[in-house]
Protein backbone atom coordinates (compact mmCIF):
# COMPACT_ATOMS: atom_id res chain seq x y z
CA MET A 1 -26.48 33.12 -12.48
CA PRO A 2 -22.79 32.56 -11.62
CA ASP A 3 -21.56 29.04 -11.06
CA LEU A 4 -21.30 28.05 -7.42
CA VAL A 5 -17.73 27.57 -6.23
CA PRO A 6 -17.23 24.00 -4.95
CA PHE A 7 -16.70 23.88 -1.21
CA SER A 8 -13.25 22.30 -1.57
CA ALA A 9 -12.16 25.17 -3.84
CA ALA A 10 -13.55 27.79 -1.43
CA LEU A 11 -11.79 26.08 1.45
CA ARG A 12 -8.50 25.97 -0.41
CA GLU A 13 -8.75 29.62 -1.44
CA ARG A 14 -9.77 30.90 1.97
CA SER A 15 -6.98 29.03 3.74
CA SER A 16 -4.18 29.71 1.25
CA GLY A 17 -2.88 32.75 3.12
CA ALA A 18 -2.79 30.92 6.44
CA HIS A 19 -1.06 27.97 4.77
CA SER A 20 1.62 30.22 3.32
CA GLY A 21 2.11 31.97 6.66
CA SER A 22 2.59 28.67 8.42
CA GLU A 23 5.10 27.43 5.84
CA HIS A 24 7.16 30.60 6.12
CA ALA A 25 7.31 30.75 9.91
CA GLY A 26 10.94 31.27 10.96
CA PHE A 27 11.71 27.83 12.41
CA MET A 28 10.33 25.93 9.42
CA SER A 29 11.78 28.35 6.92
CA ASP A 30 15.23 27.95 8.46
CA LEU A 31 14.91 24.17 8.44
CA MET A 32 13.94 24.13 4.78
CA GLN A 33 16.72 26.54 3.81
CA GLY A 34 19.41 24.38 5.37
CA LYS A 35 19.90 26.69 8.38
CA GLY A 36 18.40 24.20 10.81
CA THR A 37 20.13 21.33 12.58
CA ARG A 38 19.36 17.65 12.95
CA ASP A 39 18.23 18.43 16.51
CA ASP A 40 15.75 20.94 15.10
CA TYR A 41 14.32 18.29 12.81
CA VAL A 42 14.10 15.77 15.66
CA ALA A 43 12.24 18.34 17.78
CA LEU A 44 9.69 18.77 14.99
CA VAL A 45 9.19 15.01 14.59
CA ALA A 46 8.61 14.69 18.35
CA GLN A 47 5.83 17.29 18.29
CA HIS A 48 4.27 15.60 15.29
CA TRP A 49 3.93 12.41 17.32
CA PHE A 50 1.72 14.09 19.92
CA ILE A 51 -0.44 15.72 17.24
CA TYR A 52 -0.95 12.58 15.20
CA GLU A 53 -1.52 10.42 18.25
CA ALA A 54 -4.47 12.68 19.07
CA LEU A 55 -5.66 12.87 15.46
CA GLU A 56 -5.50 9.14 14.82
CA SER A 57 -7.10 8.27 18.16
CA ALA A 58 -9.90 10.66 17.20
CA ALA A 59 -10.12 8.98 13.78
CA ASP A 60 -10.71 5.63 15.49
CA ARG A 61 -13.62 7.17 17.39
CA MET A 62 -15.00 8.74 14.19
CA ARG A 63 -15.24 5.49 12.22
CA ALA A 64 -18.91 5.13 13.12
CA ASP A 65 -19.78 8.70 12.16
CA PRO A 66 -21.56 8.81 8.76
CA VAL A 67 -19.97 12.11 7.72
CA ALA A 68 -16.43 11.92 9.10
CA SER A 69 -15.90 8.24 8.30
CA VAL A 70 -15.81 8.81 4.54
CA PHE A 71 -12.57 10.79 4.95
CA LEU A 72 -10.78 8.06 6.88
CA SER A 73 -8.24 5.78 5.24
CA ASP A 74 -5.73 3.45 6.84
CA ARG A 75 -3.36 4.48 4.05
CA LEU A 76 -2.98 7.85 5.77
CA THR A 77 -1.98 6.47 9.19
CA ARG A 78 1.25 8.11 10.37
CA ILE A 79 1.83 6.93 13.95
CA PRO A 80 3.76 3.72 13.11
CA ALA A 81 6.08 5.70 10.81
CA LEU A 82 6.55 8.46 13.38
CA GLU A 83 7.42 5.92 16.07
CA ALA A 84 9.94 4.23 13.81
CA ASP A 85 11.43 7.64 12.95
CA LEU A 86 11.73 8.57 16.63
CA GLU A 87 13.40 5.27 17.51
CA PHE A 88 15.90 5.84 14.71
CA LEU A 89 16.48 9.51 15.56
CA ILE A 90 16.47 9.35 19.37
CA GLY A 91 16.72 5.73 20.45
CA ALA A 92 14.56 3.02 21.98
CA ASP A 93 13.79 5.24 24.98
CA TRP A 94 12.34 8.04 22.83
CA ARG A 95 9.02 8.07 24.73
CA ASP A 96 10.84 9.10 27.91
CA ARG A 97 12.74 11.85 26.14
CA ILE A 98 10.00 13.86 24.45
CA GLU A 99 7.23 16.08 25.77
CA PRO A 100 4.66 18.32 24.12
CA LEU A 101 5.39 22.01 23.83
CA PRO A 102 2.65 24.35 25.12
CA THR A 103 1.20 24.95 21.65
CA THR A 104 1.27 21.24 20.90
CA GLN A 105 -0.71 20.53 24.06
CA ARG A 106 -3.28 23.17 23.14
CA TYR A 107 -3.46 21.72 19.61
CA VAL A 108 -4.01 18.21 21.00
CA ASP A 109 -6.67 19.51 23.37
CA ARG A 110 -8.45 21.22 20.48
CA ILE A 111 -8.44 18.07 18.34
CA ASN A 112 -9.82 16.06 21.25
CA ALA A 113 -12.50 18.65 21.98
CA VAL A 114 -13.86 18.96 18.44
CA ALA A 115 -13.63 15.23 17.78
CA ALA A 116 -15.78 14.58 20.84
CA THR A 117 -18.73 16.62 19.62
CA TRP A 118 -18.25 17.93 16.07
CA PRO A 119 -17.50 15.75 13.03
CA GLY A 120 -16.95 18.79 10.79
CA GLY A 121 -14.32 20.13 13.16
CA PHE A 122 -12.53 16.79 13.15
CA VAL A 123 -12.58 16.78 9.33
CA ALA A 124 -11.08 20.30 9.34
CA HIS A 125 -8.06 19.09 11.31
CA HIS A 126 -7.83 15.86 9.31
CA TYR A 127 -7.84 17.83 6.05
CA THR A 128 -5.27 20.35 7.24
CA ARG A 129 -2.76 17.74 8.32
CA TYR A 130 -3.06 14.94 5.77
CA LEU A 131 -3.58 16.92 2.59
CA GLY A 132 -0.63 19.04 3.66
CA ASP A 133 1.41 15.88 4.18
CA LEU A 134 0.51 14.68 0.69
CA SER A 135 1.39 18.06 -0.83
CA GLY A 136 4.22 20.17 0.60
CA GLY A 137 5.12 17.39 3.01
CA GLN A 138 6.50 15.35 0.14
CA PHE A 139 8.94 18.13 -0.73
CA ILE A 140 9.91 18.58 2.93
CA GLY A 141 10.66 14.87 3.27
CA ARG A 142 12.98 14.89 0.27
CA LEU A 143 14.66 18.03 1.55
CA MET A 144 15.29 16.57 5.01
CA ALA A 145 16.66 13.37 3.47
CA ARG A 146 19.11 15.39 1.40
CA GLN A 147 20.15 17.70 4.23
CA PHE A 148 20.68 15.06 6.90
CA GLY A 149 21.69 12.05 4.81
CA PHE A 150 18.55 10.01 5.50
CA GLU A 151 17.32 7.31 3.16
CA THR A 152 14.01 6.08 4.52
CA ASN A 153 14.88 5.85 8.22
CA GLY A 154 14.12 9.19 9.83
CA ILE A 155 11.68 10.40 7.17
CA GLY A 156 9.14 7.59 7.22
CA PHE A 157 6.49 10.11 8.27
CA TYR A 158 6.65 11.66 4.80
CA LEU A 159 6.51 8.37 2.90
CA PHE A 160 3.04 7.14 1.94
CA ALA A 161 3.93 3.76 0.51
CA ASP A 162 0.28 2.74 0.17
CA ILE A 163 -0.72 5.83 -1.84
CA ALA A 164 0.65 5.36 -5.33
CA ASP A 165 -0.92 8.55 -6.73
CA PRO A 166 -1.13 11.35 -4.14
CA LYS A 167 -2.71 13.71 -6.66
CA ALA A 168 -5.59 11.31 -7.35
CA PHE A 169 -6.01 10.66 -3.63
CA LYS A 170 -6.27 14.39 -2.92
CA GLU A 171 -8.76 14.87 -5.75
CA TYR A 172 -10.95 12.11 -4.33
CA TYR A 173 -10.70 13.65 -0.85
CA ARG A 174 -11.84 17.01 -2.23
CA GLU A 175 -14.77 15.31 -3.93
CA GLN A 176 -15.81 14.01 -0.52
CA LEU A 177 -15.57 17.53 0.87
CA ASP A 178 -17.86 18.76 -1.90
CA ALA A 179 -20.31 15.93 -1.20
CA ALA A 180 -20.43 16.44 2.57
CA PRO A 181 -23.98 17.27 3.76
CA TRP A 182 -23.05 20.65 5.24
CA ASP A 183 -25.13 23.78 4.77
CA ALA A 184 -23.47 27.15 4.18
CA ALA A 185 -23.21 27.92 7.89
CA GLU A 186 -21.53 24.60 8.64
CA GLN A 187 -19.15 25.05 5.71
CA GLU A 188 -18.12 28.38 7.21
CA ARG A 189 -17.52 26.71 10.57
CA VAL A 190 -15.33 24.07 8.92
CA ILE A 191 -13.31 26.71 7.08
CA ASP A 192 -12.85 28.66 10.31
CA GLU A 193 -11.60 25.49 12.03
CA VAL A 194 -9.10 24.89 9.23
CA LEU A 195 -7.79 28.41 9.89
CA VAL A 196 -7.54 27.52 13.59
CA ALA A 197 -5.50 24.43 12.66
CA TYR A 198 -3.13 26.48 10.52
CA GLN A 199 -2.69 28.96 13.37
CA PHE A 200 -1.73 26.11 15.68
CA ASN A 201 0.91 25.07 13.17
CA THR A 202 2.30 28.60 12.93
CA ASP A 203 2.33 28.94 16.73
CA LEU A 204 4.07 25.58 17.03
CA PHE A 205 6.93 26.81 14.87
CA ILE A 206 7.26 29.83 17.19
CA ASP A 207 7.33 27.46 20.18
CA LEU A 208 9.97 25.31 18.50
CA ALA A 209 12.11 28.40 17.82
CA ASP A 210 11.79 29.47 21.46
CA ALA A 211 12.68 25.98 22.66
CA LYS A 212 15.73 25.99 20.38
CA ALA A 213 16.86 29.35 21.74
CA ARG A 214 16.69 27.97 25.29
CA ARG A 215 18.50 24.81 24.20
CA VAL A 216 21.46 26.62 22.66
CA ALA A 217 21.67 29.46 25.18
């Protein structure tokens, strides 16, 4: 009898294509290749604030849930760093100068909807964002620092000062995924929701590219 593939491994394998597609969307690809501007980066940070505000508000509501709560860690919290980044990048009035793009609003609405009724769906979005931040996000942060002359101001979002060993943290997180009390049908639902989250990210990069085209027209 063949060995069963751990859920975390199946999730990673099934979502790898979507992850790659999101990373290589035009707006993000240009930004990472040095073809983007500081304004492009600021636009991305602004959209992140809306997404993480929804995600971390949902996390607060999930602390009492026996399944979702095991994935929560204050060491992952990004909102204070994002707000400091936005104040540095835009100014003290940054809240009055940003608004969610259409995809961002749909993304926020989806996070709020699943977090209201479905712990597994919340975990899917939590996994997609934070494990991505602890993986490719670390490279992106260093790249943005180099391109735009940042030190820590402006890229605080990518700095997890309280996580000394991201690799060990991710391994522990995946162990929790494998231990989650989900049957095969629920595991499939969670994987499908991860794919939904990746699609939102890809669509957001399209929205950001469209917004840039209007800005420079």
